C-alpha atoms as a PDB file:
ATOM      1  CA  MET A   1      -0.051   0.007  -0.015  1.00  0.00           C
ATOM      2  CA  GLN A   2       1.473   3.444  -1.000  1.00  0.00           C
ATOM      3  CA  ILE A   3       0.251   6.564   0.952  1.00  0.00           C
ATOM      4  CA  LYS A   4      -0.538   9.406  -1.282  1.00  0.00           C
ATOM      5  CA  CYS A   5       0.767  12.855  -0.214  1.00  0.00           C
ATOM      6  CA  PRO A   6      -0.417  15.279  -2.989  1.00  0.00           C
ATOM      7  CA  VAL A   7       0.957  18.353  -1.143  1.00  0.00           C
ATOM      8  CA  LEU A   8       4.492  16.893  -0.820  1.00  0.00           C
ATOM      9  CA  GLU A   9       4.706  15.574  -4.405  1.00  0.00           C
ATOM     10  CA  ASP A  10       3.417  19.235  -5.542  1.00  0.00           C
ATOM     11  CA  PHE A  11       6.201  20.483  -3.750  1.00  0.00           C
ATOM     12  CA  CYS A  12       8.703  18.104  -5.059  1.00  0.00           C
ATOM     13  CA  ARG A  13       7.689  18.967  -8.711  1.00  0.00           C
ATOM     14  CA  SER A  14       7.737  22.661  -8.377  1.00  0.00           C
ATOM     15  CA  SER A  15      10.686  23.064  -5.744  1.00  0.00           C
ATOM     16  CA  LEU A  16      12.714  20.013  -6.812  1.00  0.00           C
ATOM     17  CA  ASP A  17      12.118  20.098 -10.500  1.00  0.00           C
ATOM     18  CA  GLY A  18      10.160  16.866 -10.247  1.00  0.00           C
ATOM     19  CA  ASP A  19      13.680  15.165  -9.885  1.00  0.00           C
ATOM     20  CA  PRO A  20      13.023  11.759  -8.459  1.00  0.00           C
ATOM     21  CA  LYS A  21      16.598  11.825  -6.780  1.00  0.00           C
ATOM     22  CA  LYS A  22      16.285  15.046  -5.386  1.00  0.00           C
ATOM     23  CA  ARG A  23      12.980  14.203  -3.756  1.00  0.00           C
ATOM     24  CA  GLN A  24      14.398  10.616  -2.331  1.00  0.00           C
ATOM     25  CA  LEU A  25      17.503  12.864  -0.886  1.00  0.00           C
ATOM     26  CA  LEU A  26      14.918  14.792   0.577  1.00  0.00           C
ATOM     27  CA  LEU A  27      12.960  11.970   1.926  1.00  0.00           C
ATOM     28  CA  GLU A  28      16.145  10.656   3.377  1.00  0.00           C
ATOM     29  CA  MET A  29      17.290  13.838   4.960  1.00  0.00           C
ATOM     30  CA  ILE A  30      13.759  13.874   6.593  1.00  0.00           C
ATOM     31  CA  GLY A  31      13.734  10.400   7.856  1.00  0.00           C
ATOM     32  CA  TYR A  32      17.565  10.944   9.248  1.00  0.00           C
ATOM     33  CA  ILE A  33      16.394  13.930  11.358  1.00  0.00           C
ATOM     34  CA  CYS A  34      13.422  12.141  12.695  1.00  0.00           C
ATOM     35  CA  SER A  35      15.269   9.271  13.592  1.00  0.00           C
ATOM     36  CA  ASP A  36      17.964   9.020  16.796  1.00  0.00           C
ATOM     37  CA  LEU A  37      20.787   8.146  14.605  1.00  0.00           C
ATOM     38  CA  THR A  38      23.821  10.516  14.923  1.00  0.00           C
ATOM     39  CA  VAL A  39      26.491   7.812  13.236  1.00  0.00           C
ATOM     40  CA  GLY A  40      26.264   9.994   9.825  1.00  0.00           C
ATOM     41  CA  LYS A  41      28.043  12.828  11.776  1.00  0.00           C
ATOM     42  CA  CYS A  42      26.455  15.583   9.527  1.00  0.00           C
ATOM     43  CA  ALA A  43      24.146  18.751   9.125  1.00  0.00           C
ATOM     44  CA  PHE A  44      21.909  19.028   6.271  1.00  0.00           C
ATOM     45  CA  PHE A  45      22.211  22.630   4.630  1.00  0.00           C
ATOM     46  CA  ILE A  46      19.604  23.592   2.260  1.00  0.00           C
ATOM     47  CA  GLN A  47      20.806  26.068  -0.337  1.00  0.00           C
ATOM     48  CA  GLY A  48      18.875  27.346  -3.061  1.00  0.00           C
ATOM     49  CA  GLN A  49      17.634  30.839  -4.767  1.00  0.00           C
ATOM     50  CA  PRO A  50      15.107  33.564  -2.638  1.00  0.00           C
ATOM     51  CA  ASN A  51      11.555  32.102  -2.523  1.00  0.00           C
ATOM     52  CA  SER A  52      12.540  28.524  -3.803  1.00  0.00           C
ATOM     53  CA  GLY A  53      11.098  26.363  -0.973  1.00  0.00           C
ATOM     54  CA  LYS A  54      14.075  26.298   1.806  1.00  0.00           C
ATOM     55  CA  SER A  55      11.577  27.870   4.460  1.00  0.00           C
ATOM     56  CA  VAL A  56       9.129  25.609   3.399  1.00  0.00           C
ATOM     57  CA  ILE A  57      11.102  22.700   4.138  1.00  0.00           C
ATOM     58  CA  ALA A  58      12.441  24.033   7.510  1.00  0.00           C
ATOM     59  CA  GLU A  59       8.798  24.438   8.563  1.00  0.00           C
ATOM     60  CA  PHE A  60       7.713  21.131   7.809  1.00  0.00           C
ATOM     61  CA  ILE A  61      10.653  19.397   9.590  1.00  0.00           C
ATOM     62  CA  SER A  62       9.987  21.649  12.376  1.00  0.00           C
ATOM     63  CA  ARG A  63       6.440  20.809  12.829  1.00  0.00           C
ATOM     64  CA  LEU A  64       7.179  16.941  12.809  1.00  0.00           C
ATOM     65  CA  PHE A  65       8.150  17.584  16.277  1.00  0.00           C
ATOM     66  CA  ASP A  66       7.006  19.119  19.429  1.00  0.00           C
ATOM     67  CA  PRO A  67       8.011  22.525  20.028  1.00  0.00           C
ATOM     68  CA  SER A  68       9.745  21.870  22.957  1.00  0.00           C
ATOM     69  CA  LEU A  69      12.183  20.152  20.877  1.00  0.00           C
ATOM     70  CA  VAL A  70      13.193  22.326  18.586  1.00  0.00           C
ATOM     71  CA  SER A  71      15.867  24.939  18.560  1.00  0.00           C
ATOM     72  CA  ASN A  72      16.749  27.438  16.438  1.00  0.00           C
ATOM     73  CA  ILE A  73      20.626  28.400  16.848  1.00  0.00           C
ATOM     74  CA  PRO A  74      22.235  29.639  14.036  1.00  0.00           C
ATOM     75  CA  LEU A  75      25.754  27.989  12.505  1.00  0.00           C
ATOM     76  CA  HIS A  76      27.734  31.000  13.491  1.00  0.00           C
ATOM     77  CA  GLN A  77      26.325  31.210  17.148  1.00  0.00           C
ATOM     78  CA  LEU A  78      26.750  27.442  17.997  1.00  0.00           C
ATOM     79  CA  GLY A  79      30.238  28.287  19.778  1.00  0.00           C
ATOM     80  CA  GLU A  80      28.665  30.631  22.155  1.00  0.00           C
ATOM     81  CA  ARG A  81      28.588  29.195  25.662  1.00  0.00           C
ATOM     82  CA  PHE A  82      25.083  30.468  26.291  1.00  0.00           C
ATOM     83  CA  SER A  83      23.831  29.353  22.816  1.00  0.00           C
ATOM     84  CA  ARG A  84      25.030  25.810  23.363  1.00  0.00           C
ATOM     85  CA  ALA A  85      22.806  25.250  26.280  1.00  0.00           C
ATOM     86  CA  GLU A  86      19.763  25.884  24.112  1.00  0.00           C
ATOM     87  CA  LEU A  87      20.609  22.507  22.406  1.00  0.00           C
ATOM     88  CA  ALA A  88      20.182  20.448  25.783  1.00  0.00           C
ATOM     89  CA  GLY A  89      16.982  18.169  25.356  1.00  0.00           C
ATOM     90  CA  LYS A  90      16.267  19.152  21.720  1.00  0.00           C
ATOM     91  CA  LYS A  91      15.767  16.900  18.827  1.00  0.00           C
ATOM     92  CA  VAL A  92      16.398  19.226  16.107  1.00  0.00           C
ATOM     93  CA  ASN A  93      17.872  22.664  15.347  1.00  0.00           C
ATOM     94  CA  ILE A  94      16.712  24.670  12.220  1.00  0.00           C
ATOM     95  CA  ALA A  95      18.771  27.507  11.571  1.00  0.00           C
ATOM     96  CA  GLY A  96      17.644  30.426   9.572  1.00  0.00           C
ATOM     97  CA  GLU A  97      19.942  32.201   7.101  1.00  0.00           C
ATOM     98  CA  ILE A  98      23.457  31.421   7.059  1.00  0.00           C
ATOM     99  CA  ALA A  99      26.122  34.298   7.200  1.00  0.00           C
ATOM    100  CA  GLY A 100      28.347  33.479   3.974  1.00  0.00           C
ATOM    101  CA  ARG A 101      31.568  34.542   6.043  1.00  0.00           C
ATOM    102  CA  ALA A 102      34.038  31.888   7.742  1.00  0.00           C
ATOM    103  CA  LEU A 103      33.328  30.123  10.666  1.00  0.00           C
ATOM    104  CA  ARG A 104      35.786  30.878  13.434  1.00  0.00           C
ATOM    105  CA  ASP A 105      35.691  27.568  15.409  1.00  0.00           C
ATOM    106  CA  ILE A 106      34.329  24.540  13.867  1.00  0.00           C
ATOM    107  CA  SER A 107      34.905  22.304  17.147  1.00  0.00           C
ATOM    108  CA  ILE A 108      31.117  22.722  18.706  1.00  0.00           C
ATOM    109  CA  PHE A 109      30.011  22.219  14.941  1.00  0.00           C
ATOM    110  CA  LYS A 110      32.054  19.092  14.936  1.00  0.00           C
ATOM    111  CA  SER A 111      30.528  17.675  18.451  1.00  0.00           C
ATOM    112  CA  VAL A 112      27.006  18.600  17.916  1.00  0.00           C
ATOM    113  CA  THR A 113      27.097  16.743  14.517  1.00  0.00           C
ATOM    114  CA  GLY A 114      28.875  13.838  16.250  1.00  0.00           C
ATOM    115  CA  SER A 115      26.898  13.716  19.044  1.00  0.00           C
ATOM    116  CA  ASP A 116      29.723  14.413  21.446  1.00  0.00           C
ATOM    117  CA  ARG A 117      29.712  15.642  25.062  1.00  0.00           C
ATOM    118  CA  ILE A 118      29.440  19.440  25.188  1.00  0.00           C
ATOM    119  CA  THR A 119      29.632  22.198  28.015  1.00  0.00           C
ATOM    120  CA  GLY A 120      26.785  24.650  27.805  1.00  0.00           C
ATOM    121  CA  GLU A 121      25.769  27.323  29.894  1.00  0.00           C
ATOM    122  CA  PHE A 122      22.616  29.216  30.973  1.00  0.00           C
ATOM    123  CA  LYS A 123      23.223  32.952  32.144  1.00  0.00           C
ATOM    124  CA  GLY A 124      23.655  32.596  35.989  1.00  0.00           C
ATOM    125  CA  LYS A 125      23.463  28.849  36.346  1.00  0.00           C
ATOM    126  CA  GLU A 126      26.035  26.185  36.697  1.00  0.00           C
ATOM    127  CA  PRO A 127      27.345  24.829  33.567  1.00  0.00           C
ATOM    128  CA  LEU A 128      25.362  21.774  32.033  1.00  0.00           C
ATOM    129  CA  LEU A 129      27.608  18.980  30.262  1.00  0.00           C
ATOM    130  CA  PHE A 130      25.255  17.167  27.818  1.00  0.00           C
ATOM    131  CA  HIS A 131      25.605  14.865  24.519  1.00  0.00           C
ATOM    132  CA  PRO A 132      23.508  16.825  21.995  1.00  0.00           C
ATOM    133  CA  PRO A 133      21.012  14.231  20.464  1.00  0.00           C
ATOM    134  CA  VAL A 134      20.156  17.113  18.017  1.00  0.00           C
ATOM    135  CA  GLN A 135      20.147  16.980  14.369  1.00  0.00           C
ATOM    136  CA  ALA A 136      20.785  20.010  12.438  1.00  0.00           C
ATOM    137  CA  ALA A 137      19.087  21.437   9.283  1.00  0.00           C
ATOM    138  CA  ILE A 138      20.626  24.934   8.144  1.00  0.00           C
ATOM    139  CA  ARG A 139      18.861  26.853   5.199  1.00  0.00           C
ATOM    140  CA  GLY A 140      20.524  29.630   3.304  1.00  0.00           C
ATOM    141  CA  GLN A 141      21.254  31.464   0.010  1.00  0.00           C
ATOM    142  CA  HIS A 142      25.037  30.697   0.322  1.00  0.00           C
ATOM    143  CA  ALA A 143      27.225  27.971   1.888  1.00  0.00           C
ATOM    144  CA  ALA A 144      29.300  29.335   5.132  1.00  0.00           C
ATOM    145  CA  ALA A 145      32.968  29.800   3.749  1.00  0.00           C
ATOM    146  CA  ASN A 146      35.170  27.079   5.437  1.00  0.00           C
ATOM    147  CA  ASP A 147      37.991  25.406   3.906  1.00  0.00           C
ATOM    148  CA  ARG A 148      38.595  22.953   7.230  1.00  0.00           C
ATOM    149  CA  GLY A 149      37.511  19.437   5.673  1.00  0.00           C
ATOM    150  CA  GLY A 150      35.851  18.548   9.154  1.00  0.00           C
ATOM    151  CA  TYR A 151      33.192  20.997   8.411  1.00  0.00           C
ATOM    152  CA  HIS A 152      32.713  19.950   4.931  1.00  0.00           C
ATOM    153  CA  ARG A 153      32.407  16.256   5.596  1.00  0.00           C
ATOM    154  CA  ARG A 154      29.546  17.052   8.092  1.00  0.00           C
ATOM    155  CA  LEU A 155      27.674  19.135   5.673  1.00  0.00           C
ATOM    156  CA  CYS A 156      25.147  17.410   3.560  1.00  0.00           C
ATOM    157  CA  GLU A 157      23.671  19.546   0.615  1.00  0.00           C
ATOM    158  CA  PRO A 158      20.575  17.056  -0.313  1.00  0.00           C
ATOM    159  CA  ALA A 159      18.730  20.179  -2.240  1.00  0.00           C
ATOM    160  CA  ARG A 160      21.404  22.290  -3.962  1.00  0.00           C
ATOM    161  CA  GLY A 161      21.911  24.534  -6.959  1.00  0.00           C
ATOM    162  CA  SER A 162      18.763  24.393  -9.287  1.00  0.00           C
ATOM    163  CA  ALA A 163      16.956  21.803  -7.362  1.00  0.00           C
ATOM    164  CA  LEU A 164      15.525  25.124  -5.145  1.00  0.00           C
ATOM    165  CA  GLN A 165      15.369  27.555  -7.699  1.00  0.00           C
ATOM    166  CA  PRO A 166      12.151  29.866  -8.033  1.00  0.00           C
ATOM    167  CA  GLU A 167       9.892  28.886 -11.064  1.00  0.00           C
ATOM    168  CA  HIS A 168      10.039  32.634 -11.504  1.00  0.00           C
ATOM    169  CA  PRO A 169      12.859  34.816 -10.271  1.00  0.00           C
ATOM    170  CA  ALA A 170      11.958  38.230  -8.286  1.00  0.00           C
ATOM    171  CA  GLY A 171       9.997  40.748 -10.279  1.00  0.00           C
ATOM    172  CA  GLU A 172       8.951  38.138 -13.207  1.00  0.00           C
ATOM    173  CA  THR A 173       5.575  36.690 -13.796  1.00  0.00           C
ATOM    174  CA  GLY A 174       4.264  33.936 -15.308  1.00  0.00           C
END
């Protein structure tokens, strides 16, 4: 028995160019995020032009979880001690637009994607040691500039390039 999801299929046709391989990658990404697996040691970067479906995918993934299990820490803030604590007890981190500048320190990114033990801190409270069971989905028009292999090995780009190009660039109509 095959379950029909016409809204998802319409999205895949319009935002993924109807490409069955891109659709499969999107479904695998969602499946990995929903699982408790961290063996992939990766985060998902959803890249594309403005108005191309990145926010739709991020919102869809967010709504699969109770809001208390979702954090929204931007990639460039993961290294900040008070931001890290926000990942404790979360299932998924859905970050908004990513800055195109180089990351100063990728060690926390590597620890989060590898579910290594990290320290976080809430202001005025004792430091908290925890294993972040969080999956990361990050969206943006441009990838963060970083030439360190540990960053690029952990970054999966299931929907990149023309996969998320809008049908009509800004200002154009049908």
